[in-house]
Amino acid sequence: MGKPVAQPGAAIHDRFNAAYVFADREHEAFLAHAAADPVLLEIYRDHDAVIFEVVSPELIR
């Protein structure tokens, strides 16, 4: 398992060119970092998973 990245949104955008991130609720460290990252917008949550939309980092800066 990799080391958590403080703001994973830009890395996810640049490396994977992803529009969305699906995470299960068991990845608490990732969810905490993602919630604080302006590049990742939470668009859905239920008891099993959380979905984030990846916003282009250029739009945030």
N, C-alpha and C. Protein backbone atom coordinates (compact mmCIF):
# COMPACT_ATOMS: atom_id res chain seq x y z
N MET A 1 0.84 -1.17 0.00
CA MET A 1 0.00 0.00 0.00
C MET A 1 0.89 1.24 0.00
N GLY A 2 0.54 2.22 -0.81
CA GLY A 2 1.35 3.43 -0.94
C GLY A 2 1.13 4.41 0.19
N LYS A 3 2.03 5.36 0.25
CA LYS A 3 1.95 6.43 1.25
C LYS A 3 0.87 7.43 0.84
N PRO A 4 0.05 7.89 1.77
CA PRO A 4 -1.00 8.86 1.42
C PRO A 4 -0.40 10.16 0.88
N VAL A 5 -1.06 10.74 -0.09
CA VAL A 5 -0.68 12.01 -0.67
C VAL A 5 -1.60 13.07 -0.10
N ALA A 6 -1.04 14.19 0.37
CA ALA A 6 -1.83 15.21 1.04
C ALA A 6 -2.96 15.74 0.16
N GLN A 7 -2.69 16.01 -1.11
CA GLN A 7 -3.72 16.47 -2.04
C GLN A 7 -3.66 15.59 -3.29
N PRO A 8 -4.40 14.49 -3.27
CA PRO A 8 -4.29 13.50 -4.34
C PRO A 8 -4.94 13.91 -5.66
N GLY A 9 -5.77 14.92 -5.67
CA GLY A 9 -6.53 15.27 -6.88
C GLY A 9 -5.68 15.58 -8.08
N ALA A 10 -4.66 16.41 -7.92
CA ALA A 10 -3.81 16.78 -9.06
C ALA A 10 -3.06 15.56 -9.61
N ALA A 11 -2.57 14.70 -8.72
CA ALA A 11 -1.87 13.50 -9.16
C ALA A 11 -2.81 12.56 -9.91
N ILE A 12 -4.02 12.41 -9.43
CA ILE A 12 -5.01 11.56 -10.10
C ILE A 12 -5.35 12.14 -11.47
N HIS A 13 -5.53 13.45 -11.53
CA HIS A 13 -5.83 14.11 -12.80
C HIS A 13 -4.68 13.94 -13.79
N ASP A 14 -3.46 14.23 -13.35
CA ASP A 14 -2.30 14.20 -14.25
C ASP A 14 -1.91 12.79 -14.67
N ARG A 15 -1.92 11.86 -13.75
CA ARG A 15 -1.45 10.50 -14.06
C ARG A 15 -2.49 9.65 -14.78
N PHE A 16 -3.75 9.78 -14.38
CA PHE A 16 -4.79 8.90 -14.92
C PHE A 16 -5.79 9.61 -15.83
N ASN A 17 -5.75 10.95 -15.83
CA ASN A 17 -6.71 11.73 -16.62
C ASN A 17 -8.14 11.30 -16.30
N ALA A 18 -8.38 11.05 -15.02
CA ALA A 18 -9.68 10.54 -14.57
C ALA A 18 -10.66 11.68 -14.35
N ALA A 19 -11.91 11.43 -14.65
CA ALA A 19 -12.97 12.40 -14.40
C ALA A 19 -13.63 12.16 -13.04
N TYR A 20 -13.55 10.92 -12.55
CA TYR A 20 -14.18 10.55 -11.29
C TYR A 20 -13.28 9.59 -10.52
N VAL A 21 -13.43 9.61 -9.19
CA VAL A 21 -12.72 8.69 -8.31
C VAL A 21 -13.78 7.99 -7.47
N PHE A 22 -13.73 6.67 -7.46
CA PHE A 22 -14.62 5.85 -6.64
C PHE A 22 -13.78 5.26 -5.51
N ALA A 23 -14.20 5.46 -4.27
CA ALA A 23 -13.46 4.93 -3.13
C ALA A 23 -14.42 4.26 -2.16
N ASP A 24 -13.99 3.10 -1.64
CA ASP A 24 -14.82 2.50 -0.60
C ASP A 24 -14.57 3.24 0.71
N ARG A 25 -15.47 3.07 1.65
CA ARG A 25 -15.43 3.83 2.90
C ARG A 25 -14.34 3.33 3.85
N GLU A 26 -13.66 2.24 3.53
CA GLU A 26 -12.62 1.70 4.39
C GLU A 26 -11.29 2.43 4.23
N HIS A 27 -11.13 3.23 3.18
CA HIS A 27 -9.88 3.97 2.95
C HIS A 27 -9.99 5.36 3.61
N GLU A 28 -10.01 5.35 4.93
CA GLU A 28 -10.26 6.56 5.70
C GLU A 28 -9.21 7.64 5.47
N ALA A 29 -7.94 7.28 5.37
CA ALA A 29 -6.89 8.29 5.16
C ALA A 29 -7.08 8.96 3.81
N PHE A 30 -7.36 8.17 2.76
CA PHE A 30 -7.59 8.76 1.44
C PHE A 30 -8.81 9.68 1.48
N LEU A 31 -9.88 9.24 2.10
CA LEU A 31 -11.10 10.05 2.15
C LEU A 31 -10.87 11.37 2.87
N ALA A 32 -10.07 11.36 3.92
CA ALA A 32 -9.77 12.60 4.64
C ALA A 32 -8.97 13.56 3.76
N HIS A 33 -7.97 13.04 3.05
CA HIS A 33 -7.17 13.88 2.15
C HIS A 33 -8.02 14.38 0.98
N ALA A 34 -8.84 13.52 0.42
CA ALA A 34 -9.68 13.90 -0.71
C ALA A 34 -10.68 14.98 -0.31
N ALA A 35 -11.24 14.88 0.88
CA ALA A 35 -12.22 15.86 1.34
C ALA A 35 -11.60 17.25 1.48
N ALA A 36 -10.32 17.31 1.77
CA ALA A 36 -9.63 18.60 1.93
C ALA A 36 -9.02 19.12 0.64
N ASP A 37 -9.13 18.35 -0.43
CA ASP A 37 -8.51 18.70 -1.71
C ASP A 37 -9.51 19.43 -2.60
N PRO A 38 -9.23 20.67 -3.00
CA PRO A 38 -10.18 21.42 -3.84
C PRO A 38 -10.34 20.85 -5.25
N VAL A 39 -9.45 19.98 -5.68
CA VAL A 39 -9.55 19.37 -7.01
C VAL A 39 -10.57 18.23 -7.01
N LEU A 40 -10.87 17.67 -5.84
CA LEU A 40 -11.82 16.57 -5.73
C LEU A 40 -13.11 17.06 -5.07
N LEU A 41 -14.19 16.96 -5.79
CA LEU A 41 -15.50 17.38 -5.28
C LEU A 41 -16.35 16.15 -5.00
N GLU A 42 -16.75 15.98 -3.76
CA GLU A 42 -17.60 14.84 -3.42
C GLU A 42 -18.98 15.05 -4.04
N ILE A 43 -19.40 14.08 -4.84
CA ILE A 43 -20.70 14.18 -5.50
C ILE A 43 -21.67 13.11 -5.05
N TYR A 44 -21.18 12.08 -4.35
CA TYR A 44 -22.07 11.01 -3.89
C TYR A 44 -21.42 10.29 -2.72
N ARG A 45 -22.25 9.87 -1.78
CA ARG A 45 -21.78 9.08 -0.64
C ARG A 45 -22.93 8.20 -0.16
N ASP A 46 -22.63 6.94 0.12
CA ASP A 46 -23.57 6.07 0.80
C ASP A 46 -22.79 5.22 1.79
N HIS A 47 -23.40 4.18 2.34
CA HIS A 47 -22.73 3.40 3.38
C HIS A 47 -21.58 2.54 2.85
N ASP A 48 -21.47 2.39 1.53
CA ASP A 48 -20.41 1.57 0.94
C ASP A 48 -19.28 2.36 0.28
N ALA A 49 -19.62 3.50 -0.35
CA ALA A 49 -18.63 4.17 -1.20
C ALA A 49 -18.83 5.68 -1.23
N VAL A 50 -17.78 6.35 -1.74
CA VAL A 50 -17.81 7.79 -1.97
C VAL A 50 -17.31 8.02 -3.40
N ILE A 51 -17.98 8.92 -4.12
CA ILE A 51 -17.57 9.26 -5.48
C ILE A 51 -17.19 10.74 -5.50
N PHE A 52 -16.01 11.02 -6.07
CA PHE A 52 -15.53 12.38 -6.22
C PHE A 52 -15.43 12.71 -7.71
N GLU A 53 -15.78 13.93 -8.07
CA GLU A 53 -15.51 14.43 -9.41
C GLU A 53 -14.14 15.10 -9.37
N VAL A 54 -13.32 14.82 -10.40
CA VAL A 54 -12.00 15.42 -10.49
C VAL A 54 -12.11 16.70 -11.33
N VAL A 55 -11.85 17.84 -10.70
CA VAL A 55 -11.89 19.13 -11.38
C VAL A 55 -10.48 19.43 -11.87
N SER A 56 -10.34 19.97 -13.05
CA SER A 56 -9.02 20.30 -13.58
C SER A 56 -8.30 21.23 -12.61
N PRO A 57 -7.06 20.88 -12.23
CA PRO A 57 -6.32 21.75 -11.30
C PRO A 57 -6.13 23.17 -11.84
N GLU A 58 -6.09 23.32 -13.15
CA GLU A 58 -5.93 24.65 -13.75
C GLU A 58 -7.12 25.56 -13.43
N LEU A 59 -8.29 24.98 -13.23
CA LEU A 59 -9.47 25.77 -12.90
C LEU A 59 -9.45 26.24 -11.45
N ILE A 60 -8.70 25.57 -10.61
CA ILE A 60 -8.65 25.88 -9.18
C ILE A 60 -7.63 27.00 -8.93
N ARG A 61 -6.54 27.00 -9.65
CA ARG A 61 -5.44 27.95 -9.40
C ARG A 61 -5.78 29.34 -9.73
